[in-house]
Structures are given as structure tokens and as C-alpha cells.
Amino acid sequence: MSRLICYCFGYTEEELQEDVLRHGRSLIMERIVSEKKDGHCRCAEKNPAGR
């Protein structure tokens, strides 16, 4: 089982690696950054470590 990287959007480490291999960069990470800029990050509530 792959480690969960993003609690807000449910992305795993494996998905991020596959995304980079497929696109040459991480479109997933770009989405996460964009969503965070728009205030849609809920990591503090969803991540058990609070990050």
C-alpha cells in the first residue's frame, strides 16, 4: 500500500511518482498548489499529524 501524501485530495506517493513519469512533471502537485492558493486546503483537519 502506497503512503498517503495529500490528505486533502487523497493522493498517494505512488500516484505522484506515476504522474511525474507520465507527464515529465507532477500535474497532481500543480493541482494541490493551486487549490491551496485558492484556500481549499484542509490538511489541518484531515491529516492526523495536523500538517
N, C-alpha and C. Protein backbone atom coordinates (compact mmCIF):
# COMPACT_ATOMS: atom_id res chain seq x y z
N MET A 1 0.85 -1.19 0.00
CA MET A 1 0.00 0.00 0.00
C MET A 1 0.88 1.24 0.00
N SER A 2 0.57 2.16 -0.87
CA SER A 2 1.36 3.38 -1.00
C SER A 2 0.98 4.38 0.10
N ARG A 3 1.97 5.12 0.52
CA ARG A 3 1.78 6.11 1.60
C ARG A 3 0.96 7.30 1.09
N LEU A 4 0.01 7.74 1.89
CA LEU A 4 -0.82 8.89 1.56
C LEU A 4 0.01 10.16 1.72
N ILE A 5 0.07 10.96 0.68
CA ILE A 5 0.86 12.19 0.68
C ILE A 5 -0.03 13.40 0.94
N CYS A 6 -1.20 13.42 0.34
CA CYS A 6 -2.10 14.56 0.46
C CYS A 6 -3.43 14.11 1.06
N TYR A 7 -3.65 14.50 2.29
CA TYR A 7 -4.90 14.13 2.96
C TYR A 7 -6.09 14.91 2.43
N CYS A 8 -5.86 16.10 1.95
CA CYS A 8 -6.95 16.91 1.41
C CYS A 8 -7.59 16.27 0.19
N PHE A 9 -6.75 15.81 -0.73
CA PHE A 9 -7.23 15.31 -2.01
C PHE A 9 -7.01 13.82 -2.20
N GLY A 10 -6.40 13.16 -1.22
CA GLY A 10 -6.26 11.70 -1.22
C GLY A 10 -5.20 11.13 -2.15
N TYR A 11 -4.19 11.90 -2.50
CA TYR A 11 -3.14 11.40 -3.39
C TYR A 11 -2.09 10.62 -2.61
N THR A 12 -1.60 9.56 -3.25
CA THR A 12 -0.58 8.73 -2.64
C THR A 12 0.78 9.01 -3.27
N GLU A 13 1.82 8.56 -2.59
CA GLU A 13 3.18 8.70 -3.09
C GLU A 13 3.32 8.03 -4.47
N GLU A 14 2.72 6.87 -4.61
CA GLU A 14 2.77 6.14 -5.88
C GLU A 14 2.11 6.93 -7.01
N GLU A 15 0.98 7.56 -6.74
CA GLU A 15 0.29 8.35 -7.76
C GLU A 15 1.14 9.54 -8.20
N LEU A 16 1.81 10.20 -7.27
CA LEU A 16 2.67 11.32 -7.63
C LEU A 16 3.84 10.85 -8.49
N GLN A 17 4.45 9.72 -8.14
CA GLN A 17 5.56 9.19 -8.93
C GLN A 17 5.10 8.83 -10.34
N GLU A 18 3.96 8.18 -10.46
CA GLU A 18 3.42 7.82 -11.77
C GLU A 18 3.10 9.05 -12.60
N ASP A 19 2.58 10.08 -11.95
CA ASP A 19 2.25 11.34 -12.62
C ASP A 19 3.50 11.97 -13.23
N VAL A 20 4.59 11.99 -12.47
CA VAL A 20 5.85 12.56 -12.97
C VAL A 20 6.36 11.73 -14.15
N LEU A 21 6.30 10.42 -14.05
CA LEU A 21 6.76 9.58 -15.14
C LEU A 21 5.91 9.78 -16.40
N ARG A 22 4.63 9.95 -16.22
CA ARG A 22 3.71 10.10 -17.34
C ARG A 22 3.83 11.46 -18.02
N HIS A 23 4.00 12.53 -17.21
CA HIS A 23 3.93 13.89 -17.75
C HIS A 23 5.26 14.65 -17.73
N GLY A 24 6.27 14.08 -17.12
CA GLY A 24 7.54 14.77 -17.02
C GLY A 24 7.58 15.79 -15.89
N ARG A 25 6.46 15.97 -15.24
CA ARG A 25 6.32 16.83 -14.06
C ARG A 25 5.06 16.37 -13.34
N SER A 26 4.83 16.87 -12.17
CA SER A 26 3.66 16.42 -11.41
C SER A 26 2.49 17.38 -11.60
N LEU A 27 1.54 16.98 -12.42
CA LEU A 27 0.31 17.75 -12.56
C LEU A 27 -0.51 17.70 -11.28
N ILE A 28 -0.37 16.60 -10.56
CA ILE A 28 -1.05 16.47 -9.27
C ILE A 28 -0.54 17.53 -8.30
N MET A 29 0.77 17.69 -8.23
CA MET A 29 1.33 18.69 -7.32
C MET A 29 0.91 20.09 -7.74
N GLU A 30 0.85 20.34 -9.03
CA GLU A 30 0.39 21.64 -9.52
C GLU A 30 -1.05 21.89 -9.08
N ARG A 31 -1.89 20.86 -9.14
CA ARG A 31 -3.28 20.99 -8.69
C ARG A 31 -3.33 21.29 -7.19
N ILE A 32 -2.53 20.57 -6.41
CA ILE A 32 -2.51 20.77 -4.96
C ILE A 32 -2.11 22.21 -4.63
N VAL A 33 -1.05 22.70 -5.27
CA VAL A 33 -0.57 24.07 -5.02
C VAL A 33 -1.65 25.08 -5.40
N SER A 34 -2.30 24.87 -6.53
CA SER A 34 -3.35 25.78 -6.98
C SER A 34 -4.53 25.79 -6.00
N GLU A 35 -4.95 24.61 -5.57
CA GLU A 35 -6.07 24.51 -4.63
C GLU A 35 -5.73 25.17 -3.29
N LYS A 36 -4.48 25.00 -2.84
CA LYS A 36 -4.06 25.63 -1.59
C LYS A 36 -4.09 27.15 -1.71
N LYS A 37 -3.63 27.68 -2.86
CA LYS A 37 -3.65 29.13 -3.09
C LYS A 37 -5.08 29.66 -3.07
N ASP A 38 -6.03 28.84 -3.54
CA ASP A 38 -7.43 29.24 -3.58
C ASP A 38 -8.15 29.01 -2.24
N GLY A 39 -7.39 28.54 -1.24
CA GLY A 39 -7.97 28.36 0.09
C GLY A 39 -8.72 27.06 0.30
N HIS A 40 -8.47 26.08 -0.55
CA HIS A 40 -9.19 24.81 -0.45
C HIS A 40 -8.40 23.72 0.27
N CYS A 41 -7.43 24.09 1.05
CA CYS A 41 -6.62 23.13 1.78
C CYS A 41 -7.24 22.88 3.16
N ARG A 42 -7.43 21.61 3.49
CA ARG A 42 -7.98 21.24 4.79
C ARG A 42 -7.06 20.26 5.51
N CYS A 43 -5.77 20.39 5.23
CA CYS A 43 -4.79 19.47 5.83
C CYS A 43 -4.86 19.48 7.36
N ALA A 44 -5.02 20.63 7.94
CA ALA A 44 -5.03 20.72 9.41
C ALA A 44 -6.15 19.87 10.00
N GLU A 45 -7.28 19.74 9.28
CA GLU A 45 -8.39 18.93 9.79
C GLU A 45 -8.27 17.46 9.40
N LYS A 46 -7.76 17.18 8.19
CA LYS A 46 -7.76 15.82 7.66
C LYS A 46 -6.51 15.02 7.99
N ASN A 47 -5.37 15.68 8.16
CA ASN A 47 -4.12 14.99 8.43
C ASN A 47 -4.02 14.70 9.92
N PRO A 48 -3.85 13.45 10.31
CA PRO A 48 -3.76 13.11 11.72
C PRO A 48 -2.61 13.84 12.45
N ALA A 49 -1.56 14.21 11.69
CA ALA A 49 -0.43 14.94 12.28
C ALA A 49 -0.68 16.43 12.30
N GLY A 50 -1.77 16.88 11.66
CA GLY A 50 -2.12 18.30 11.66
C GLY A 50 -1.30 19.15 10.72
N ARG A 51 -0.71 18.55 9.66
CA ARG A 51 0.10 19.31 8.69
C ARG A 51 -0.47 19.19 7.31
